[in-house]
Amino acid sequence: MADCGAEEEKGEFGSPQGGERRMIIQPTSLEDPKLNKLKEVLVEWINKTLKAEHIVVRTLEEDLYDGLVFHHLLRRLAGVQLHVEEIALSTDAQIRKLEVILTALNETLEMNEETAKWNVKLIHTRDLLATLHLLVAMARRFQPDLVLPVNVSVEVIQCEVTKSGIKADKQTEFITFQSNSSEALERESNKDCPIDELFKLEAHKIETVKKAILHFVNKNISSLGLNVTDLDKQFADGVILLLLIGQLEGFFIPLCEFFLCPVGSSEMLHNVTLALDLLIDRGLPVQSVDPQDIVSQDVPATVKVLYYLFNRHKNK
């Protein structure tokens, strides 16, 4: 396992060059419960996101270096299609593939390559710190409702290769939100899961939010001659949800792709699953929503999906 982190000067995949800096994780930090919890959350998130593609990640250190998982995550979460080989076996092929994938990821994340805490060399050499920084950035961009442990940090030795030798400096590297304030930590946790927090409020406040979303829905489906009066029940079969997505995202979903008049829970589940897949492909963070929950008229699950649509299109 490679325990090196951010490297500021990108060179060839060879021996250290002058000016190169590396962050080497202290072995004691690898035993930190917060770090292990973060790794567990990220592995679970990846596996849930890629479940339909039958991809299973067991360890972040060993399963992400060749680019396959990042390729599928980028396609699944951001809808970005890349012309790269599916499985790269040789080192050269893996590096070429990673270069294409990380370039696209950095553009999607609006991250400058020079300031990013990851690069092709670090990811390919199974660098845990760089891999964690990249996955955390992806989770915050594509699934802001994913609750990550806060204040996760590691002790590192920053090594810099100079013409006169090697300089080393010990420091703390934060991977997730940094704060010593319990109130700030609470705000950050709440921000990551807005709908879950909403349903902890008083009933009248929940109803106010639901009315705003209901107004938004009807405004956008009225041209189809549709009207929603019950937010809790009328989305269970997926039909109105699919039509709403088409209206908001500006595309037509062929009627042969879903059941316009679904009969039975299996057809309803097909519709809802299709709707969530479309939203994921469009970059909305609804991976944590189980389609069966919407079919079963689970109000928080339904409101969560509609909230993300509302938040994305409310000013259009």
C-alpha atoms as a PDB file:
ATOM      1  CA  MET A   1       0.000   0.000   0.000  1.00  0.00           C
ATOM      2  CA  ALA A   2       1.337   3.397  -0.963  1.00  0.00           C
ATOM      3  CA  ASP A   3       0.839   5.991   1.756  1.00  0.00           C
ATOM      4  CA  CYS A   4       2.004   9.084  -0.085  1.00  0.00           C
ATOM      5  CA  GLY A   5      -0.051  12.163  -0.749  1.00  0.00           C
ATOM      6  CA  ALA A   6      -0.144  15.378  -2.704  1.00  0.00           C
ATOM      7  CA  GLU A   7       2.711  16.107  -5.023  1.00  0.00           C
ATOM      8  CA  GLU A   8       3.108  19.623  -6.282  1.00  0.00           C
ATOM      9  CA  GLU A   9       5.437  19.181  -9.222  1.00  0.00           C
ATOM     10  CA  LYS A  10       4.233  16.676 -11.802  1.00  0.00           C
ATOM     11  CA  GLY A  11       7.156  14.856 -13.382  1.00  0.00           C
ATOM     12  CA  GLU A  12       7.652  11.588 -15.214  1.00  0.00           C
ATOM     13  CA  PHE A  13       6.958   8.291 -13.519  1.00  0.00           C
ATOM     14  CA  GLY A  14      10.531   7.866 -12.374  1.00  0.00           C
ATOM     15  CA  SER A  15      12.891   8.871  -9.634  1.00  0.00           C
ATOM     16  CA  PRO A  16      12.262  11.987  -7.522  1.00  0.00           C
ATOM     17  CA  GLN A  17      13.206  15.262  -9.140  1.00  0.00           C
ATOM     18  CA  GLY A  18      14.363  18.510  -7.638  1.00  0.00           C
ATOM     19  CA  GLY A  19      11.463  20.509  -6.212  1.00  0.00           C
ATOM     20  CA  GLU A  20       9.222  17.451  -5.859  1.00  0.00           C
ATOM     21  CA  ARG A  21       7.138  17.282  -2.698  1.00  0.00           C
ATOM     22  CA  ARG A  22       5.388  14.301  -1.202  1.00  0.00           C
ATOM     23  CA  MET A  23       3.163  13.847   1.797  1.00  0.00           C
ATOM     24  CA  ILE A  24       3.769  10.522   3.499  1.00  0.00           C
ATOM     25  CA  ILE A  25       1.094   9.415   5.947  1.00  0.00           C
ATOM     26  CA  GLN A  26       2.360   8.489   9.397  1.00  0.00           C
ATOM     27  CA  PRO A  27       1.540   4.819  10.134  1.00  0.00           C
ATOM     28  CA  THR A  28      -0.272   5.740  13.366  1.00  0.00           C
ATOM     29  CA  SER A  29      -2.773   7.867  11.397  1.00  0.00           C
ATOM     30  CA  LEU A  30      -3.857   4.819   9.394  1.00  0.00           C
ATOM     31  CA  GLU A  31      -5.381   3.433  12.596  1.00  0.00           C
ATOM     32  CA  ASP A  32      -7.509   6.543  13.237  1.00  0.00           C
ATOM     33  CA  PRO A  33     -11.204   5.504  13.586  1.00  0.00           C
ATOM     34  CA  LYS A  34     -12.347   8.666  11.765  1.00  0.00           C
ATOM     35  CA  LEU A  35     -10.142   7.862   8.780  1.00  0.00           C
ATOM     36  CA  ASN A  36     -11.399   4.286   8.661  1.00  0.00           C
ATOM     37  CA  LYS A  37     -14.994   5.509   8.905  1.00  0.00           C
ATOM     38  CA  LEU A  38     -14.419   7.884   5.971  1.00  0.00           C
ATOM     39  CA  LYS A  39     -12.998   5.010   3.920  1.00  0.00           C
ATOM     40  CA  GLU A  40     -16.017   2.849   4.785  1.00  0.00           C
ATOM     41  CA  VAL A  41     -18.479   5.584   3.767  1.00  0.00           C
ATOM     42  CA  LEU A  42     -16.694   6.164   0.455  1.00  0.00           C
ATOM     43  CA  VAL A  43     -16.489   2.444  -0.372  1.00  0.00           C
ATOM     44  CA  GLU A  44     -20.200   2.041   0.399  1.00  0.00           C
ATOM     45  CA  TRP A  45     -21.028   5.103  -1.739  1.00  0.00           C
ATOM     46  CA  ILE A  46     -19.012   3.812  -4.694  1.00  0.00           C
ATOM     47  CA  ASN A  47     -20.540   0.337  -4.503  1.00  0.00           C
ATOM     48  CA  LYS A  48     -24.069   1.694  -4.239  1.00  0.00           C
ATOM     49  CA  THR A  49     -23.488   4.060  -7.165  1.00  0.00           C
ATOM     50  CA  LEU A  50     -22.051   1.311  -9.373  1.00  0.00           C
ATOM     51  CA  LYS A  51     -24.283  -1.526  -8.201  1.00  0.00           C
ATOM     52  CA  ALA A  52     -26.154  -1.656 -11.503  1.00  0.00           C
ATOM     53  CA  GLU A  53     -22.842  -2.063 -13.319  1.00  0.00           C
ATOM     54  CA  HIS A  54     -21.778  -4.992 -11.096  1.00  0.00           C
ATOM     55  CA  ILE A  55     -18.609  -3.246  -9.940  1.00  0.00           C
ATOM     56  CA  VAL A  56     -17.524  -3.941  -6.361  1.00  0.00           C
ATOM     57  CA  VAL A  57     -14.773  -2.026  -4.572  1.00  0.00           C
ATOM     58  CA  ARG A  58     -13.244  -3.667  -1.523  1.00  0.00           C
ATOM     59  CA  THR A  59     -10.364  -1.324  -0.689  1.00  0.00           C
ATOM     60  CA  LEU A  60      -9.611   2.210  -1.844  1.00  0.00           C
ATOM     61  CA  GLU A  61      -5.896   1.469  -1.838  1.00  0.00           C
ATOM     62  CA  GLU A  62      -6.021  -1.427  -4.310  1.00  0.00           C
ATOM     63  CA  ASP A  63      -9.141  -1.104  -6.464  1.00  0.00           C
ATOM     64  CA  LEU A  64      -8.998   2.399  -7.962  1.00  0.00           C
ATOM     65  CA  TYR A  65      -5.486   2.779  -9.352  1.00  0.00           C
ATOM     66  CA  ASP A  66      -6.175   1.559 -12.919  1.00  0.00           C
ATOM     67  CA  GLY A  67      -8.926   4.091 -13.694  1.00  0.00           C
ATOM     68  CA  LEU A  68     -11.815   1.667 -14.254  1.00  0.00           C
ATOM     69  CA  VAL A  69     -13.802   2.729 -11.176  1.00  0.00           C
ATOM     70  CA  PHE A  70     -13.223   6.456 -11.746  1.00  0.00           C
ATOM     71  CA  HIS A  71     -14.263   6.006 -15.389  1.00  0.00           C
ATOM     72  CA  HIS A  72     -17.581   4.438 -14.382  1.00  0.00           C
ATOM     73  CA  LEU A  73     -18.185   6.955 -11.586  1.00  0.00           C
ATOM     74  CA  LEU A  74     -17.657   9.848 -13.985  1.00  0.00           C
ATOM     75  CA  ARG A  75     -20.057   8.359 -16.507  1.00  0.00           C
ATOM     76  CA  ARG A  76     -22.643   7.460 -13.894  1.00  0.00           C
ATOM     77  CA  LEU A  77     -22.512  10.661 -11.839  1.00  0.00           C
ATOM     78  CA  ALA A  78     -21.822  13.316 -14.475  1.00  0.00           C
ATOM     79  CA  GLY A  79     -22.992  11.655 -17.676  1.00  0.00           C
ATOM     80  CA  VAL A  80     -19.537  12.118 -19.229  1.00  0.00           C
ATOM     81  CA  GLN A  81     -18.747   9.592 -21.957  1.00  0.00           C
ATOM     82  CA  LEU A  82     -15.034   9.039 -22.593  1.00  0.00           C
ATOM     83  CA  HIS A  83     -13.449   7.140 -25.445  1.00  0.00           C
ATOM     84  CA  VAL A  84     -11.067   4.994 -23.409  1.00  0.00           C
ATOM     85  CA  GLU A  85     -10.598   1.253 -23.255  1.00  0.00           C
ATOM     86  CA  GLU A  86     -12.788  -0.439 -20.669  1.00  0.00           C
ATOM     87  CA  ILE A  87     -10.032  -2.561 -19.122  1.00  0.00           C
ATOM     88  CA  ALA A  88      -6.420  -1.404 -19.318  1.00  0.00           C
ATOM     89  CA  LEU A  89      -4.001  -4.215 -18.488  1.00  0.00           C
ATOM     90  CA  SER A  90      -0.566  -2.761 -19.100  1.00  0.00           C
ATOM     91  CA  THR A  91       0.960   0.032 -17.026  1.00  0.00           C
ATOM     92  CA  ASP A  92       1.243   2.316 -20.069  1.00  0.00           C
ATOM     93  CA  ALA A  93      -2.399   1.741 -20.993  1.00  0.00           C
ATOM     94  CA  GLN A  94      -3.547   2.425 -17.423  1.00  0.00           C
ATOM     95  CA  ILE A  95      -1.574   5.669 -17.301  1.00  0.00           C
ATOM     96  CA  ARG A  96      -2.970   6.853 -20.648  1.00  0.00           C
ATOM     97  CA  LYS A  97      -6.480   6.025 -19.457  1.00  0.00           C
ATOM     98  CA  LEU A  98      -5.997   7.829 -16.149  1.00  0.00           C
ATOM     99  CA  GLU A  99      -4.722  10.943 -17.944  1.00  0.00           C
ATOM    100  CA  VAL A 100      -7.942  11.163 -19.963  1.00  0.00           C
ATOM    101  CA  ILE A 101     -10.168  10.423 -16.957  1.00  0.00           C
ATOM    102  CA  LEU A 102      -8.490  12.855 -14.541  1.00  0.00           C
ATOM    103  CA  THR A 103      -8.498  15.617 -17.139  1.00  0.00           C
ATOM    104  CA  ALA A 104     -12.257  15.179 -17.548  1.00  0.00           C
ATOM    105  CA  LEU A 105     -12.775  14.897 -13.787  1.00  0.00           C
ATOM    106  CA  ASN A 106     -10.809  18.069 -13.077  1.00  0.00           C
ATOM    107  CA  GLU A 107     -12.861  19.948 -15.668  1.00  0.00           C
ATOM    108  CA  THR A 108     -16.116  18.658 -14.175  1.00  0.00           C
ATOM    109  CA  LEU A 109     -14.975  19.506 -10.643  1.00  0.00           C
ATOM    110  CA  GLU A 110     -13.720  22.899 -11.877  1.00  0.00           C
ATOM    111  CA  MET A 111     -10.369  22.031 -10.359  1.00  0.00           C
ATOM    112  CA  ASN A 112      -7.067  23.436 -11.578  1.00  0.00           C
ATOM    113  CA  GLU A 113      -4.646  20.622 -12.314  1.00  0.00           C
ATOM    114  CA  GLU A 114      -1.797  22.529 -10.697  1.00  0.00           C
ATOM    115  CA  THR A 115      -3.596  22.940  -7.369  1.00  0.00           C
ATOM    116  CA  ALA A 116      -5.379  19.576  -7.223  1.00  0.00           C
ATOM    117  CA  LYS A 117      -4.170  17.251  -4.475  1.00  0.00           C
ATOM    118  CA  TRP A 118      -4.130  14.320  -6.869  1.00  0.00           C
ATOM    119  CA  ASN A 119      -2.601  13.493 -10.234  1.00  0.00           C
ATOM    120  CA  VAL A 120      -2.082  10.530 -12.527  1.00  0.00           C
ATOM    121  CA  LYS A 121       1.129   9.390 -10.851  1.00  0.00           C
ATOM    122  CA  LEU A 122      -0.327   9.495  -7.335  1.00  0.00           C
ATOM    123  CA  ILE A 123      -3.525   7.668  -8.243  1.00  0.00           C
ATOM    124  CA  HIS A 124      -1.694   5.021 -10.259  1.00  0.00           C
ATOM    125  CA  THR A 125       0.789   4.355  -7.449  1.00  0.00           C
ATOM    126  CA  ARG A 126      -2.150   3.623  -5.117  1.00  0.00           C
ATOM    127  CA  ASP A 127      -1.604   6.785  -3.105  1.00  0.00           C
ATOM    128  CA  LEU A 128      -4.230   6.722  -0.345  1.00  0.00           C
ATOM    129  CA  LEU A 129      -4.183  10.422   0.528  1.00  0.00           C
ATOM    130  CA  ALA A 130      -4.552  11.576  -3.083  1.00  0.00           C
ATOM    131  CA  THR A 131      -7.295   9.010  -3.691  1.00  0.00           C
ATOM    132  CA  LEU A 132      -9.213  10.195  -0.614  1.00  0.00           C
ATOM    133  CA  HIS A 133      -8.917  13.867  -1.626  1.00  0.00           C
ATOM    134  CA  LEU A 134     -10.287  13.063  -5.095  1.00  0.00           C
ATOM    135  CA  LEU A 135     -13.171  10.929  -3.825  1.00  0.00           C
ATOM    136  CA  VAL A 136     -14.183  13.540  -1.223  1.00  0.00           C
ATOM    137  CA  ALA A 137     -14.199  16.223  -3.934  1.00  0.00           C
ATOM    138  CA  MET A 138     -16.358  13.986  -6.143  1.00  0.00           C
ATOM    139  CA  ALA A 139     -18.786  13.173  -3.326  1.00  0.00           C
ATOM    140  CA  ARG A 140     -19.244  16.849  -2.443  1.00  0.00           C
ATOM    141  CA  ARG A 141     -19.805  17.735  -6.096  1.00  0.00           C
ATOM    142  CA  PHE A 142     -22.054  14.878  -7.175  1.00  0.00           C
ATOM    143  CA  GLN A 143     -23.788  13.829  -3.952  1.00  0.00           C
ATOM    144  CA  PRO A 144     -23.867  16.665  -1.429  1.00  0.00           C
ATOM    145  CA  ASP A 145     -26.368  14.745   0.714  1.00  0.00           C
ATOM    146  CA  LEU A 146     -23.756  12.080   1.450  1.00  0.00           C
ATOM    147  CA  VAL A 147     -22.769  12.551   5.089  1.00  0.00           C
ATOM    148  CA  LEU A 148     -18.997  12.365   5.411  1.00  0.00           C
ATOM    149  CA  PRO A 149     -17.247  12.267   8.789  1.00  0.00           C
ATOM    150  CA  VAL A 150     -16.028  15.764   9.638  1.00  0.00           C
ATOM    151  CA  ASN A 151     -12.587  16.761  10.865  1.00  0.00           C
ATOM    152  CA  VAL A 152     -10.858  13.760   9.316  1.00  0.00           C
ATOM    153  CA  SER A 153      -7.136  14.417   9.264  1.00  0.00           C
ATOM    154  CA  VAL A 154      -3.847  12.545   9.091  1.00  0.00           C
ATOM    155  CA  GLU A 155      -0.368  13.291  10.311  1.00  0.00           C
ATOM    156  CA  VAL A 156       2.017  13.445   7.380  1.00  0.00           C
ATOM    157  CA  ILE A 157       5.686  13.967   6.718  1.00  0.00           C
ATOM    158  CA  GLN A 158       6.105  16.410   3.846  1.00  0.00           C
ATOM    159  CA  CYS A 159       9.301  15.552   2.013  1.00  0.00           C
ATOM    160  CA  GLU A 160      10.854  17.920  -0.505  1.00  0.00           C
ATOM    161  CA  VAL A 161      13.674  16.883  -2.787  1.00  0.00           C
ATOM    162  CA  THR A 162      16.174  19.687  -3.356  1.00  0.00           C
ATOM    163  CA  LYS A 163      19.537  19.868  -5.037  1.00  0.00           C
ATOM    164  CA  SER A 164      21.182  19.822  -1.627  1.00  0.00           C
ATOM    165  CA  GLY A 165      19.234  16.864  -0.292  1.00  0.00           C
ATOM    166  CA  ILE A 166      15.846  16.085   1.245  1.00  0.00           C
ATOM    167  CA  LYS A 167      13.924  18.387   3.605  1.00  0.00           C
ATOM    168  CA  ALA A 168      11.230  16.898   5.809  1.00  0.00           C
ATOM    169  CA  ASP A 169       8.502  18.628   7.773  1.00  0.00           C
ATOM    170  CA  LYS A 170       5.751  17.131   9.923  1.00  0.00           C
ATOM    171  CA  GLN A 171       2.246  18.577   9.561  1.00  0.00           C
ATOM    172  CA  THR A 172      -1.477  17.811   9.735  1.00  0.00           C
ATOM    173  CA  GLU A 173      -3.379  17.279   6.493  1.00  0.00           C
ATOM    174  CA  PHE A 174      -7.169  17.675   6.643  1.00  0.00           C
ATOM    175  CA  ILE A 175      -9.233  15.526   4.282  1.00  0.00           C
ATOM    176  CA  THR A 176     -12.737  16.669   5.264  1.00  0.00           C
ATOM    177  CA  PHE A 177     -14.203  19.840   6.778  1.00  0.00           C
ATOM    178  CA  GLN A 178     -11.890  21.457   9.335  1.00  0.00           C
ATOM    179  CA  SER A 179     -13.281  23.219  12.381  1.00  0.00           C
ATOM    180  CA  ASN A 180     -12.832  23.315  16.132  1.00  0.00           C
ATOM    181  CA  SER A 181     -16.335  24.697  16.610  1.00  0.00           C
ATOM    182  CA  SER A 182     -19.053  22.192  17.485  1.00  0.00           C
ATOM    183  CA  GLU A 183     -21.665  24.562  16.031  1.00  0.00           C
ATOM    184  CA  ALA A 184     -19.766  24.784  12.754  1.00  0.00           C
ATOM    185  CA  LEU A 185     -19.451  21.014  12.612  1.00  0.00           C
ATOM    186  CA  GLU A 186     -23.176  20.665  13.179  1.00  0.00           C
ATOM    187  CA  ARG A 187     -23.912  23.146  10.383  1.00  0.00           C
ATOM    188  CA  GLU A 188     -21.656  21.229   8.013  1.00  0.00           C
ATOM    189  CA  SER A 189     -23.310  17.918   8.817  1.00  0.00           C
ATOM    190  CA  ASN A 190     -26.751  19.446   8.393  1.00  0.00           C
ATOM    191  CA  LYS A 191     -25.765  20.982   5.076  1.00  0.00           C
ATOM    192  CA  ASP A 192     -24.802  17.578   3.733  1.00  0.00           C
ATOM    193  CA  CYS A 193     -28.265  16.135   4.246  1.00  0.00           C
ATOM    194  CA  PRO A 194     -30.866  18.941   3.920  1.00  0.00           C
ATOM    195  CA  ILE A 195     -33.970  16.787   3.500  1.00  0.00           C
ATOM    196  CA  ASP A 196     -33.139  14.496   6.402  1.00  0.00           C
ATOM    197  CA  GLU A 197     -32.768  17.604   8.546  1.00  0.00           C
ATOM    198  CA  LEU A 198     -36.022  19.048   7.188  1.00  0.00           C
ATOM    199  CA  PHE A 199     -38.031  16.142   8.559  1.00  0.00           C
ATOM    200  CA  LYS A 200     -36.688  16.836  12.036  1.00  0.00           C
ATOM    201  CA  LEU A 201     -38.484  20.191  12.034  1.00  0.00           C
ATOM    202  CA  GLU A 202     -42.004  21.007  13.162  1.00  0.00           C
ATOM    203  CA  ALA A 203     -44.803  19.675  10.949  1.00  0.00           C
ATOM    204  CA  HIS A 204     -45.923  23.123   9.761  1.00  0.00           C
ATOM    205  CA  LYS A 205     -42.429  23.941   8.513  1.00  0.00           C
ATOM    206  CA  ILE A 206     -42.314  20.699   6.542  1.00  0.00           C
ATOM    207  CA  GLU A 207     -45.689  21.519   4.991  1.00  0.00           C
ATOM    208  CA  THR A 208     -44.426  24.959   3.944  1.00  0.00           C
ATOM    209  CA  VAL A 209     -41.539  23.406   2.034  1.00  0.00           C
ATOM    210  CA  LYS A 210     -43.792  20.765   0.477  1.00  0.00           C
ATOM    211  CA  LYS A 211     -46.207  23.467  -0.705  1.00  0.00           C
ATOM    212  CA  ALA A 212     -43.347  25.348  -2.384  1.00  0.00           C
ATOM    213  CA  ILE A 213     -42.241  22.174  -4.163  1.00  0.00           C
ATOM    214  CA  LEU A 214     -45.839  21.352  -5.114  1.00  0.00           C
ATOM    215  CA  HIS A 215     -46.268  24.791  -6.673  1.00  0.00           C
ATOM    216  CA  PHE A 216     -43.013  24.281  -8.595  1.00  0.00           C
ATOM    217  CA  VAL A 217     -44.153  20.861  -9.867  1.00  0.00           C
ATOM    218  CA  ASN A 218     -47.563  22.068 -11.058  1.00  0.00           C
ATOM    219  CA  LYS A 219     -46.060  25.110 -12.729  1.00  0.00           C
ATOM    220  CA  ASN A 220     -43.896  22.839 -14.848  1.00  0.00           C
ATOM    221  CA  ILE A 221     -46.426  20.130 -15.736  1.00  0.00           C
ATOM    222  CA  SER A 222     -49.500  22.306 -16.295  1.00  0.00           C
ATOM    223  CA  SER A 223     -48.730  22.481 -20.026  1.00  0.00           C
ATOM    224  CA  LEU A 224     -49.214  18.691 -20.119  1.00  0.00           C
ATOM    225  CA  GLY A 225     -52.686  19.030 -18.622  1.00  0.00           C
ATOM    226  CA  LEU A 226     -51.540  17.512 -15.343  1.00  0.00           C
ATOM    227  CA  ASN A 227     -52.012  18.660 -11.769  1.00  0.00           C
ATOM    228  CA  VAL A 228     -50.607  17.230  -8.535  1.00  0.00           C
ATOM    229  CA  THR A 229     -52.609  17.619  -5.351  1.00  0.00           C
ATOM    230  CA  ASP A 230     -50.967  14.927  -3.203  1.00  0.00           C
ATOM    231  CA  LEU A 231     -47.169  15.081  -3.146  1.00  0.00           C
ATOM    232  CA  ASP A 232     -47.000  11.995  -0.957  1.00  0.00           C
ATOM    233  CA  LYS A 233     -48.882   9.602  -3.266  1.00  0.00           C
ATOM    234  CA  GLN A 234     -48.957  10.805  -6.864  1.00  0.00           C
ATOM    235  CA  PHE A 235     -45.284  10.116  -7.554  1.00  0.00           C
ATOM    236  CA  ALA A 236     -45.374   6.475  -6.418  1.00  0.00           C
ATOM    237  CA  ASP A 237     -45.860   5.064  -9.940  1.00  0.00           C
ATOM    238  CA  GLY A 238     -43.100   7.200 -11.478  1.00  0.00           C
ATOM    239  CA  VAL A 239     -45.206   8.534 -14.364  1.00  0.00           C
ATOM    240  CA  ILE A 240     -45.489  12.160 -13.301  1.00  0.00           C
ATOM    241  CA  LEU A 241     -41.883  12.106 -12.128  1.00  0.00           C
ATOM    242  CA  LEU A 242     -40.700  10.987 -15.584  1.00  0.00           C
ATOM    243  CA  LEU A 243     -42.834  13.599 -17.349  1.00  0.00           C
ATOM    244  CA  LEU A 244     -41.585  16.301 -14.972  1.00  0.00           C
ATOM    245  CA  ILE A 245     -37.966  15.329 -15.627  1.00  0.00           C
ATOM    246  CA  GLY A 246     -38.565  15.543 -19.362  1.00  0.00           C
ATOM    247  CA  GLN A 247     -40.108  18.994 -19.017  1.00  0.00           C
ATOM    248  CA  LEU A 248     -37.355  20.356 -16.786  1.00  0.00           C
ATOM    249  CA  GLU A 249     -34.359  18.778 -18.512  1.00  0.00           C
ATOM    250  CA  GLY A 250     -35.669  19.497 -22.016  1.00  0.00           C
ATOM    251  CA  PHE A 251     -35.929  16.049 -23.551  1.00  0.00           C
ATOM    252  CA  PHE A 252     -38.652  13.566 -24.547  1.00  0.00           C
ATOM    253  CA  ILE A 253     -38.748  10.139 -22.951  1.00  0.00           C
ATOM    254  CA  PRO A 254     -40.153   7.649 -25.512  1.00  0.00           C
ATOM    255  CA  LEU A 255     -43.382   6.092 -24.268  1.00  0.00           C
ATOM    256  CA  CYS A 256     -41.986   2.658 -25.066  1.00  0.00           C
ATOM    257  CA  GLU A 257     -39.359   3.166 -22.344  1.00  0.00           C
ATOM    258  CA  PHE A 258     -41.825   3.249 -19.445  1.00  0.00           C
ATOM    259  CA  PHE A 259     -45.332   2.271 -18.416  1.00  0.00           C
ATOM    260  CA  LEU A 260     -47.728   5.179 -18.903  1.00  0.00           C
ATOM    261  CA  CYS A 261     -50.448   3.326 -17.008  1.00  0.00           C
ATOM    262  CA  PRO A 262     -48.476   0.990 -14.746  1.00  0.00           C
ATOM    263  CA  VAL A 263     -50.171  -2.077 -13.357  1.00  0.00           C
ATOM    264  CA  GLY A 264     -48.659  -3.575 -10.245  1.00  0.00           C
ATOM    265  CA  SER A 265     -45.628  -2.665  -8.188  1.00  0.00           C
ATOM    266  CA  SER A 266     -43.068  -4.130 -10.639  1.00  0.00           C
ATOM    267  CA  GLU A 267     -44.095  -1.717 -13.413  1.00  0.00           C
ATOM    268  CA  MET A 268     -44.144   1.170 -10.947  1.00  0.00           C
ATOM    269  CA  LEU A 269     -40.664   0.193  -9.758  1.00  0.00           C
ATOM    270  CA  HIS A 270     -39.457   0.120 -13.375  1.00  0.00           C
ATOM    271  CA  ASN A 271     -40.698   3.689 -13.892  1.00  0.00           C
ATOM    272  CA  VAL A 272     -39.186   5.062 -10.701  1.00  0.00           C
ATOM    273  CA  THR A 273     -35.865   3.299 -11.294  1.00  0.00           C
ATOM    274  CA  LEU A 274     -35.711   4.772 -14.798  1.00  0.00           C
ATOM    275  CA  ALA A 275     -36.444   8.240 -13.402  1.00  0.00           C
ATOM    276  CA  LEU A 276     -33.666   8.013 -10.804  1.00  0.00           C
ATOM    277  CA  ASP A 277     -31.211   6.673 -13.388  1.00  0.00           C
ATOM    278  CA  LEU A 278     -32.007   9.646 -15.635  1.00  0.00           C
ATOM    279  CA  LEU A 279     -31.424  12.072 -12.768  1.00  0.00           C
ATOM    280  CA  ILE A 280     -28.120  10.427 -11.859  1.00  0.00           C
ATOM    281  CA  ASP A 281     -27.040  10.614 -15.499  1.00  0.00           C
ATOM    282  CA  ARG A 282     -27.900  14.335 -15.427  1.00  0.00           C
ATOM    283  CA  GLY A 283     -25.678  14.835 -12.382  1.00  0.00           C
ATOM    284  CA  LEU A 284     -28.306  15.058  -9.617  1.00  0.00           C
ATOM    285  CA  PRO A 285     -27.197  13.451  -6.315  1.00  0.00           C
ATOM    286  CA  VAL A 286     -30.020  10.957  -5.793  1.00  0.00           C
ATOM    287  CA  GLN A 287     -27.918   7.785  -5.546  1.00  0.00           C
ATOM    288  CA  SER A 288     -28.931   7.326  -1.921  1.00  0.00           C
ATOM    289  CA  VAL A 289     -32.642   7.127  -2.795  1.00  0.00           C
ATOM    290  CA  ASP A 290     -34.018   3.597  -3.032  1.00  0.00           C
ATOM    291  CA  PRO A 291     -36.629   3.387  -5.856  1.00  0.00           C
ATOM    292  CA  GLN A 292     -38.689   1.023  -3.712  1.00  0.00           C
ATOM    293  CA  ASP A 293     -39.069   3.757  -1.069  1.00  0.00           C
ATOM    294  CA  ILE A 294     -40.804   6.043  -3.570  1.00  0.00           C
ATOM    295  CA  VAL A 295     -43.050   3.210  -4.780  1.00  0.00           C
ATOM    296  CA  SER A 296     -43.916   2.568  -1.122  1.00  0.00           C
ATOM    297  CA  GLN A 297     -44.862   6.274  -0.760  1.00  0.00           C
ATOM    298  CA  ASP A 298     -42.002   7.080   1.591  1.00  0.00           C
ATOM    299  CA  VAL A 299     -42.416  10.845   1.929  1.00  0.00           C
ATOM    300  CA  PRO A 300     -38.776  11.828   2.713  1.00  0.00           C
ATOM    301  CA  ALA A 301     -37.519   9.833  -0.285  1.00  0.00           C
ATOM    302  CA  THR A 302     -40.054  11.448  -2.636  1.00  0.00           C
ATOM    303  CA  VAL A 303     -39.435  14.936  -1.306  1.00  0.00           C
ATOM    304  CA  LYS A 304     -35.657  14.459  -1.546  1.00  0.00           C
ATOM    305  CA  VAL A 305     -35.867  13.741  -5.286  1.00  0.00           C
ATOM    306  CA  LEU A 306     -38.240  16.643  -5.915  1.00  0.00           C
ATOM    307  CA  TYR A 307     -36.112  18.949  -3.785  1.00  0.00           C
ATOM    308  CA  TYR A 308     -33.044  18.377  -5.961  1.00  0.00           C
ATOM    309  CA  LEU A 309     -35.093  19.041  -9.098  1.00  0.00           C
ATOM    310  CA  PHE A 310     -36.546  22.153  -7.462  1.00  0.00           C
ATOM    311  CA  ASN A 311     -33.129  23.380  -6.330  1.00  0.00           C
ATOM    312  CA  ARG A 312     -31.685  22.902  -9.817  1.00  0.00           C
ATOM    313  CA  HIS A 313     -34.493  24.541 -11.793  1.00  0.00           C
ATOM    314  CA  LYS A 314     -36.167  26.995  -9.406  1.00  0.00           C
ATOM    315  CA  ASN A 315     -34.606  30.074 -11.041  1.00  0.00           C
ATOM    316  CA  LYS A 316     -35.221  29.033 -14.635  1.00  0.00           C
END
